[in-house]
């Protein structure tokens, strides 16, 4: 996601929010013990931004990847 920022077509404030969520998820996933609830909370926030605000060519695929991580199947392509 960090390498595909321009392909998401997000305004700067929302991109900052998305990257902040990615960093939060990474911190929670690498903590000892792993903070699973925080990882899921951050990924849910990322999915919301990707579904509601992103409009680039890969946004739908990234939102669907987040849905697979969360496990509820709510993305943009496969509902």
PDB file of N, CA and C in Angstrom:
ATOM      1  N   UNK A   1       0.810  -1.171   0.000  1.00  0.00           N
ATOM      2  CA  UNK A   1       0.000   0.000   0.000  1.00  0.00           C
ATOM      3  C   UNK A   1       0.866   1.252   0.000  1.00  0.00           C
ATOM      4  N   UNK A   2       1.931   1.222   0.750  1.00  0.00           N
ATOM      5  CA  UNK A   2       2.804   2.398   0.789  1.00  0.00           C
ATOM      6  C   UNK A   2       3.394   2.708  -0.577  1.00  0.00           C
ATOM      7  N   UNK A   3       3.643   1.673  -1.367  1.00  0.00           N
ATOM      8  CA  UNK A   3       4.224   1.877  -2.695  1.00  0.00           C
ATOM      9  C   UNK A   3       3.181   2.269  -3.735  1.00  0.00           C
ATOM     10  N   UNK A   4       1.915   2.163  -3.406  1.00  0.00           N
ATOM     11  CA  UNK A   4       0.851   2.420  -4.378  1.00  0.00           C
ATOM     12  C   UNK A   4       0.005   3.640  -4.006  1.00  0.00           C
ATOM     13  N   UNK A   5       0.570   4.551  -3.268  1.00  0.00           N
ATOM     14  CA  UNK A   5      -0.198   5.690  -2.771  1.00  0.00           C
ATOM     15  C   UNK A   5      -0.872   6.493  -3.872  1.00  0.00           C
ATOM     16  N   UNK A   6      -0.176   6.757  -4.945  1.00  0.00           N
ATOM     17  CA  UNK A   6      -0.751   7.583  -6.007  1.00  0.00           C
ATOM     18  C   UNK A   6      -1.866   6.855  -6.754  1.00  0.00           C
ATOM     19  N   UNK A   7      -1.865   5.532  -6.690  1.00  0.00           N
ATOM     20  CA  UNK A   7      -2.877   4.761  -7.404  1.00  0.00           C
ATOM     21  C   UNK A   7      -4.192   4.669  -6.634  1.00  0.00           C
ATOM     22  N   UNK A   8      -4.245   5.225  -5.434  1.00  0.00           N
ATOM     23  CA  UNK A   8      -5.467   5.192  -4.630  1.00  0.00           C
ATOM     24  C   UNK A   8      -6.342   6.423  -4.832  1.00  0.00           C
ATOM     25  N   UNK A   9      -5.758   7.488  -5.368  1.00  0.00           N
ATOM     26  CA  UNK A   9      -6.482   8.740  -5.622  1.00  0.00           C
ATOM     27  C   UNK A   9      -7.168   9.263  -4.363  1.00  0.00           C
ATOM     28  N   UNK A  10      -6.436   9.278  -3.271  1.00  0.00           N
ATOM     29  CA  UNK A  10      -6.961   9.793  -2.008  1.00  0.00           C
ATOM     30  C   UNK A  10      -6.464  11.211  -1.770  1.00  0.00           C
ATOM     31  N   UNK A  11      -7.319  12.065  -1.177  1.00  0.00           N
ATOM     32  CA  UNK A  11      -6.819  13.379  -0.769  1.00  0.00           C
ATOM     33  C   UNK A  11      -5.771  13.197   0.335  1.00  0.00           C
ATOM     34  N   UNK A  12      -4.883  14.149   0.457  1.00  0.00           N
ATOM     35  CA  UNK A  12      -3.754  14.049   1.393  1.00  0.00           C
ATOM     36  C   UNK A  12      -4.173  13.699   2.826  1.00  0.00           C
ATOM     37  N   UNK A  13      -5.222  14.334   3.383  1.00  0.00           N
ATOM     38  CA  UNK A  13      -5.583  13.984   4.766  1.00  0.00           C
ATOM     39  C   UNK A  13      -6.029  12.524   4.912  1.00  0.00           C
ATOM     40  N   UNK A  14      -6.774  12.005   3.945  1.00  0.00           N
ATOM     41  CA  UNK A  14      -7.236  10.616   4.025  1.00  0.00           C
ATOM     42  C   UNK A  14      -6.077   9.645   3.792  1.00  0.00           C
ATOM     43  N   UNK A  15      -5.140  10.015   2.931  1.00  0.00           N
ATOM     44  CA  UNK A  15      -3.960   9.182   2.728  1.00  0.00           C
ATOM     45  C   UNK A  15      -3.159   9.099   4.025  1.00  0.00           C
ATOM     46  N   UNK A  16      -3.035  10.216   4.720  1.00  0.00           N
ATOM     47  CA  UNK A  16      -2.334  10.215   6.013  1.00  0.00           C
ATOM     48  C   UNK A  16      -3.054   9.308   7.008  1.00  0.00           C
ATOM     49  N   UNK A  17      -4.389   9.352   7.012  1.00  0.00           N
ATOM     50  CA  UNK A  17      -5.162   8.468   7.888  1.00  0.00           C
ATOM     51  C   UNK A  17      -4.906   7.001   7.545  1.00  0.00           C
ATOM     52  N   UNK A  18      -4.913   6.693   6.253  1.00  0.00           N
ATOM     53  CA  UNK A  18      -4.705   5.316   5.792  1.00  0.00           C
ATOM     54  C   UNK A  18      -3.317   4.816   6.191  1.00  0.00           C
ATOM     55  N   UNK A  19      -2.311   5.631   5.977  1.00  0.00           N
ATOM     56  CA  UNK A  19      -0.952   5.232   6.336  1.00  0.00           C
ATOM     57  C   UNK A  19      -0.790   5.105   7.848  1.00  0.00           C
ATOM     58  N   UNK A  20      -1.496   5.940   8.593  1.00  0.00           N
ATOM     59  CA  UNK A  20      -1.482   5.830  10.056  1.00  0.00           C
ATOM     60  C   UNK A  20      -2.100   4.521  10.519  1.00  0.00           C
ATOM     61  N   UNK A  21      -3.183   4.114   9.872  1.00  0.00           N
ATOM     62  CA  UNK A  21      -3.812   2.829  10.193  1.00  0.00           C
ATOM     63  C   UNK A  21      -2.870   1.671   9.855  1.00  0.00           C
ATOM     64  N   UNK A  22      -2.192   1.770   8.730  1.00  0.00           N
ATOM     65  CA  UNK A  22      -1.247   0.712   8.340  1.00  0.00           C
ATOM     66  C   UNK A  22      -0.127   0.599   9.370  1.00  0.00           C
ATOM     67  N   UNK A  23       0.369   1.730   9.832  1.00  0.00           N
ATOM     68  CA  UNK A  23       1.427   1.713  10.841  1.00  0.00           C
ATOM     69  C   UNK A  23       0.908   1.146  12.157  1.00  0.00           C
ATOM     70  N   UNK A  24      -0.316   1.506  12.525  1.00  0.00           N
ATOM     71  CA  UNK A  24      -0.908   0.978  13.754  1.00  0.00           C
ATOM     72  C   UNK A  24      -1.113  -0.526  13.690  1.00  0.00           C
ATOM     73  N   UNK A  25      -1.555  -1.011  12.541  1.00  0.00           N
ATOM     74  CA  UNK A  25      -1.746  -2.456  12.365  1.00  0.00           C
ATOM     75  C   UNK A  25      -0.407  -3.176  12.449  1.00  0.00           C
ATOM     76  N   UNK A  26       0.609  -2.582  11.856  1.00  0.00           N
ATOM     77  CA  UNK A  26       1.934  -3.193  11.883  1.00  0.00           C
ATOM     78  C   UNK A  26       2.476  -3.252  13.313  1.00  0.00           C
ATOM     79  N   UNK A  27       2.298  -2.169  14.065  1.00  0.00           N
ATOM     80  CA  UNK A  27       2.748  -2.160  15.459  1.00  0.00           C
ATOM     81  C   UNK A  27       2.025  -3.224  16.275  1.00  0.00           C
ATOM     82  N   UNK A  28       0.706  -3.317  16.098  1.00  0.00           N
ATOM     83  CA  UNK A  28      -0.080  -4.291  16.856  1.00  0.00           C
ATOM     84  C   UNK A  28       0.288  -5.722  16.482  1.00  0.00           C
ATOM     85  N   UNK A  29       0.584  -5.939  15.206  1.00  0.00           N
ATOM     86  CA  UNK A  29       0.923  -7.296  14.745  1.00  0.00           C
ATOM     87  C   UNK A  29       2.305  -7.728  15.200  1.00  0.00           C
ATOM     88  N   UNK A  30       3.190  -6.782  15.455  1.00  0.00           N
ATOM     89  CA  UNK A  30       4.545  -7.142  15.858  1.00  0.00           C
ATOM     90  C   UNK A  30       4.765  -7.014  17.360  1.00  0.00           C
ATOM     91  N   UNK A  31       3.715  -6.641  18.092  1.00  0.00           N
ATOM     92  CA  UNK A  31       3.854  -6.550  19.545  1.00  0.00           C
ATOM     93  C   UNK A  31       3.877  -7.955  20.147  1.00  0.00           C
ATOM     94  N   UNK A  32       4.381  -8.047  21.360  1.00  0.00           N
ATOM     95  CA  UNK A  32       4.444  -9.340  22.049  1.00  0.00           C
ATOM     96  C   UNK A  32       3.708  -9.232  23.364  1.00  0.00           C
ATOM     97  N   UNK A  33       2.565  -9.860  23.540  1.00  0.00           N
ATOM     98  CA  UNK A  33       1.885 -10.718  22.569  1.00  0.00           C
ATOM     99  C   UNK A  33       1.199  -9.876  21.489  1.00  0.00           C
ATOM    100  N   UNK A  34       0.852 -10.511  20.398  1.00  0.00           N
ATOM    101  CA  UNK A  34       0.179  -9.826  19.291  1.00  0.00           C
ATOM    102  C   UNK A  34      -1.176  -9.310  19.784  1.00  0.00           C
ATOM    103  N   UNK A  35      -1.460  -8.058  19.472  1.00  0.00           N
ATOM    104  CA  UNK A  35      -2.735  -7.445  19.851  1.00  0.00           C
ATOM    105  C   UNK A  35      -3.722  -7.626  18.688  1.00  0.00           C
ATOM    106  N   UNK A  36      -4.355  -8.791  18.650  1.00  0.00           N
ATOM    107  CA  UNK A  36      -5.229  -9.138  17.520  1.00  0.00           C
ATOM    108  C   UNK A  36      -6.397  -8.176  17.365  1.00  0.00           C
ATOM    109  N   UNK A  37      -6.987  -7.736  18.461  1.00  0.00           N
ATOM    110  CA  UNK A  37      -8.138  -6.834  18.355  1.00  0.00           C
ATOM    111  C   UNK A  37      -7.736  -5.494  17.755  1.00  0.00           C
ATOM    112  N   UNK A  38      -6.531  -5.029  18.070  1.00  0.00           N
ATOM    113  CA  UNK A  38      -6.059  -3.766  17.500  1.00  0.00           C
ATOM    114  C   UNK A  38      -5.710  -3.918  16.030  1.00  0.00           C
ATOM    115  N   UNK A  39      -5.133  -5.053  15.658  1.00  0.00           N
ATOM    116  CA  UNK A  39      -4.863  -5.308  14.234  1.00  0.00           C
ATOM    117  C   UNK A  39      -6.169  -5.240  13.457  1.00  0.00           C
ATOM    118  N   UNK A  40      -7.191  -5.938  13.942  1.00  0.00           N
ATOM    119  CA  UNK A  40      -8.478  -5.942  13.244  1.00  0.00           C
ATOM    120  C   UNK A  40      -9.110  -4.559  13.208  1.00  0.00           C
ATOM    121  N   UNK A  41      -8.993  -3.804  14.289  1.00  0.00           N
ATOM    122  CA  UNK A  41      -9.550  -2.445  14.313  1.00  0.00           C
ATOM    123  C   UNK A  41      -8.878  -1.567  13.262  1.00  0.00           C
ATOM    124  N   UNK A  42      -7.558  -1.671  13.157  1.00  0.00           N
ATOM    125  CA  UNK A  42      -6.833  -0.853  12.175  1.00  0.00           C
ATOM    126  C   UNK A  42      -7.158  -1.285  10.746  1.00  0.00           C
ATOM    127  N   UNK A  43      -7.258  -2.587  10.515  1.00  0.00           N
ATOM    128  CA  UNK A  43      -7.588  -3.073   9.170  1.00  0.00           C
ATOM    129  C   UNK A  43      -9.017  -2.675   8.804  1.00  0.00           C
ATOM    130  N   UNK A  44      -9.930  -2.684   9.765  1.00  0.00           N
ATOM    131  CA  UNK A  44     -11.301  -2.216   9.494  1.00  0.00           C
ATOM    132  C   UNK A  44     -11.297  -0.742   9.091  1.00  0.00           C
ATOM    133  N   UNK A  45     -10.499   0.050   9.784  1.00  0.00           N
ATOM    134  CA  UNK A  45     -10.399   1.468   9.436  1.00  0.00           C
ATOM    135  C   UNK A  45      -9.812   1.649   8.041  1.00  0.00           C
ATOM    136  N   UNK A  46      -8.806   0.851   7.717  1.00  0.00           N
ATOM    137  CA  UNK A  46      -8.213   0.918   6.380  1.00  0.00           C
ATOM    138  C   UNK A  46      -9.251   0.552   5.320  1.00  0.00           C
ATOM    139  N   UNK A  47     -10.006  -0.510   5.590  1.00  0.00           N
ATOM    140  CA  UNK A  47     -11.020  -0.921   4.623  1.00  0.00           C
ATOM    141  C   UNK A  47     -12.046   0.177   4.420  1.00  0.00           C
ATOM    142  N   UNK A  48     -12.479   0.823   5.494  1.00  0.00           N
ATOM    143  CA  UNK A  48     -13.457   1.906   5.379  1.00  0.00           C
ATOM    144  C   UNK A  48     -12.937   3.006   4.451  1.00  0.00           C
ATOM    145  N   UNK A  49     -11.699   3.412   4.654  1.00  0.00           N
ATOM    146  CA  UNK A  49     -11.109   4.457   3.808  1.00  0.00           C
ATOM    147  C   UNK A  49     -11.039   3.982   2.360  1.00  0.00           C
ATOM    148  N   UNK A  50     -10.628   2.741   2.158  1.00  0.00           N
ATOM    149  CA  UNK A  50     -10.503   2.204   0.794  1.00  0.00           C
ATOM    150  C   UNK A  50     -11.861   2.083   0.109  1.00  0.00           C
ATOM    151  N   UNK A  51     -12.895   1.707   0.849  1.00  0.00           N
ATOM    152  CA  UNK A  51     -14.223   1.536   0.254  1.00  0.00           C
ATOM    153  C   UNK A  51     -14.900   2.889   0.014  1.00  0.00           C
ATOM    154  N   UNK A  52     -14.802   3.776   0.986  1.00  0.00           N
ATOM    155  CA  UNK A  52     -15.556   5.030   0.921  1.00  0.00           C
ATOM    156  C   UNK A  52     -14.850   6.152   0.179  1.00  0.00           C
ATOM    157  N   UNK A  53     -13.533   6.204   0.251  1.00  0.00           N
ATOM    158  CA  UNK A  53     -12.829   7.384  -0.262  1.00  0.00           C
ATOM    159  C   UNK A  53     -11.877   7.124  -1.424  1.00  0.00           C
ATOM    160  N   UNK A  54     -11.306   5.942  -1.490  1.00  0.00           N
ATOM    161  CA  UNK A  54     -10.327   5.662  -2.548  1.00  0.00           C
ATOM    162  C   UNK A  54     -11.043   5.410  -3.868  1.00  0.00           C
ATOM    163  N   UNK A  55     -10.418   5.854  -4.945  1.00  0.00           N
ATOM    164  CA  UNK A  55     -11.058   5.737  -6.253  1.00  0.00           C
ATOM    165  C   UNK A  55     -10.061   5.327  -7.328  1.00  0.00           C
ATOM    166  N   UNK A  56      -8.929   4.834  -6.934  1.00  0.00           N
ATOM    167  CA  UNK A  56      -7.907   4.459  -7.898  1.00  0.00           C
ATOM    168  C   UNK A  56      -8.109   3.056  -8.430  1.00  0.00           C
ATOM    169  N   UNK A  57      -7.273   2.661  -9.371  1.00  0.00           N
ATOM    170  CA  UNK A  57      -7.441   1.378 -10.052  1.00  0.00           C
ATOM    171  C   UNK A  57      -7.221   0.154  -9.169  1.00  0.00           C
ATOM    172  N   UNK A  58      -6.537   0.300  -8.042  1.00  0.00           N
ATOM    173  CA  UNK A  58      -6.314  -0.873  -7.195  1.00  0.00           C
ATOM    174  C   UNK A  58      -7.053  -0.799  -5.866  1.00  0.00           C
ATOM    175  N   UNK A  59      -7.827   0.263  -5.643  1.00  0.00           N
ATOM    176  CA  UNK A  59      -8.512   0.454  -4.367  1.00  0.00           C
ATOM    177  C   UNK A  59      -9.463  -0.706  -4.054  1.00  0.00           C
ATOM    178  N   UNK A  60     -10.209  -1.166  -5.049  1.00  0.00           N
ATOM    179  CA  UNK A  60     -11.159  -2.256  -4.808  1.00  0.00           C
ATOM    180  C   UNK A  60     -10.448  -3.537  -4.402  1.00  0.00           C
ATOM    181  N   UNK A  61      -9.335  -3.821  -5.023  1.00  0.00           N
ATOM    182  CA  UNK A  61      -8.581  -5.029  -4.680  1.00  0.00           C
ATOM    183  C   UNK A  61      -8.017  -4.940  -3.267  1.00  0.00           C
ATOM    184  N   UNK A  62      -7.547  -3.758  -2.890  1.00  0.00           N
ATOM    185  CA  UNK A  62      -7.014  -3.585  -1.540  1.00  0.00           C
ATOM    186  C   UNK A  62      -8.129  -3.696  -0.500  1.00  0.00           C
ATOM    187  N   UNK A  63      -9.300  -3.136  -0.802  1.00  0.00           N
ATOM    188  CA  UNK A  63     -10.434  -3.241   0.120  1.00  0.00           C
ATOM    189  C   UNK A  63     -10.854  -4.698   0.279  1.00  0.00           C
ATOM    190  N   UNK A  64     -10.851  -5.443  -0.807  1.00  0.00           N
ATOM    191  CA  UNK A  64     -11.204  -6.859  -0.721  1.00  0.00           C
ATOM    192  C   UNK A  64     -10.157  -7.654   0.042  1.00  0.00           C
ATOM    193  N   UNK A  65      -8.908  -7.284  -0.069  1.00  0.00           N
ATOM    194  CA  UNK A  65      -7.863  -7.939   0.720  1.00  0.00           C
ATOM    195  C   UNK A  65      -8.086  -7.678   2.205  1.00  0.00           C
ATOM    196  N   UNK A  66      -8.451  -6.461   2.543  1.00  0.00           N
ATOM    197  CA  UNK A  66      -8.762  -6.144   3.937  1.00  0.00           C
ATOM    198  C   UNK A  66      -9.951  -6.961   4.422  1.00  0.00           C
ATOM    199  N   UNK A  67     -10.970  -7.125   3.571  1.00  0.00           N
ATOM    200  CA  UNK A  67     -12.142  -7.924   3.948  1.00  0.00           C
ATOM    201  C   UNK A  67     -11.762  -9.373   4.203  1.00  0.00           C
ATOM    202  N   UNK A  68     -10.832  -9.887   3.433  1.00  0.00           N
ATOM    203  CA  UNK A  68     -10.374 -11.270   3.653  1.00  0.00           C
ATOM    204  C   UNK A  68      -9.625 -11.395   4.968  1.00  0.00           C
ATOM    205  N   UNK A  69      -8.843 -10.389   5.316  1.00  0.00           N
ATOM    206  CA  UNK A  69      -8.117 -10.404   6.585  1.00  0.00           C
ATOM    207  C   UNK A  69      -9.109 -10.382   7.745  1.00  0.00           C
ATOM    208  N   UNK A  70     -10.108  -9.520   7.644  1.00  0.00           N
ATOM    209  CA  UNK A  70     -11.104  -9.391   8.707  1.00  0.00           C
ATOM    210  C   UNK A  70     -11.992 -10.626   8.763  1.00  0.00           C
ATOM    211  N   UNK A  71     -12.313 -11.156   7.590  1.00  0.00           N
ATOM    212  CA  UNK A  71     -13.118 -12.380   7.529  1.00  0.00           C
ATOM    213  C   UNK A  71     -14.610 -12.177   7.401  1.00  0.00           C
ATOM    214  N   UNK A  72     -15.058 -10.953   7.133  1.00  0.00           N
ATOM    215  CA  UNK A  72     -16.497 -10.742   7.022  1.00  0.00           C
ATOM    216  C   UNK A  72     -16.983 -10.621   5.590  1.00  0.00           C
ATOM    217  N   UNK A  73     -16.068 -10.594   4.630  1.00  0.00           N
ATOM    218  CA  UNK A  73     -16.433 -10.601   3.223  1.00  0.00           C
ATOM    219  C   UNK A  73     -16.983  -9.296   2.687  1.00  0.00           C
ATOM    220  N   UNK A  74     -16.896  -8.217   3.451  1.00  0.00           N
ATOM    221  CA  UNK A  74     -17.438  -6.940   2.979  1.00  0.00           C
ATOM    222  C   UNK A  74     -16.309  -6.128   2.365  1.00  0.00           C
ATOM    223  N   UNK A  75     -16.239  -6.140   1.031  1.00  0.00           N
ATOM    224  CA  UNK A  75     -15.237  -5.371   0.306  1.00  0.00           C
ATOM    225  C   UNK A  75     -15.923  -4.566  -0.783  1.00  0.00           C
ATOM    226  N   UNK A  76     -15.283  -4.455  -1.938  1.00  0.00           N
ATOM    227  CA  UNK A  76     -15.880  -3.716  -3.042  1.00  0.00           C
ATOM    228  C   UNK A  76     -16.204  -4.608  -4.215  1.00  0.00           C
ATOM    229  N   UNK A  77     -15.448  -5.677  -4.430  1.00  0.00           N
ATOM    230  CA  UNK A  77     -15.678  -6.523  -5.596  1.00  0.00           C
ATOM    231  C   UNK A  77     -16.575  -7.705  -5.270  1.00  0.00           C
ATOM    232  N   UNK A  78     -16.312  -8.327  -4.151  1.00  0.00           N
ATOM    233  CA  UNK A  78     -16.990  -9.578  -3.809  1.00  0.00           C
ATOM    234  C   UNK A  78     -17.781  -9.394  -2.526  1.00  0.00           C
ATOM    235  N   UNK A  79     -19.040  -9.097  -2.678  1.00  0.00           N
ATOM    236  CA  UNK A  79     -19.901  -8.872  -1.509  1.00  0.00           C
ATOM    237  C   UNK A  79     -20.781 -10.080  -1.318  1.00  0.00           C
TER     238      UNK A  79
END
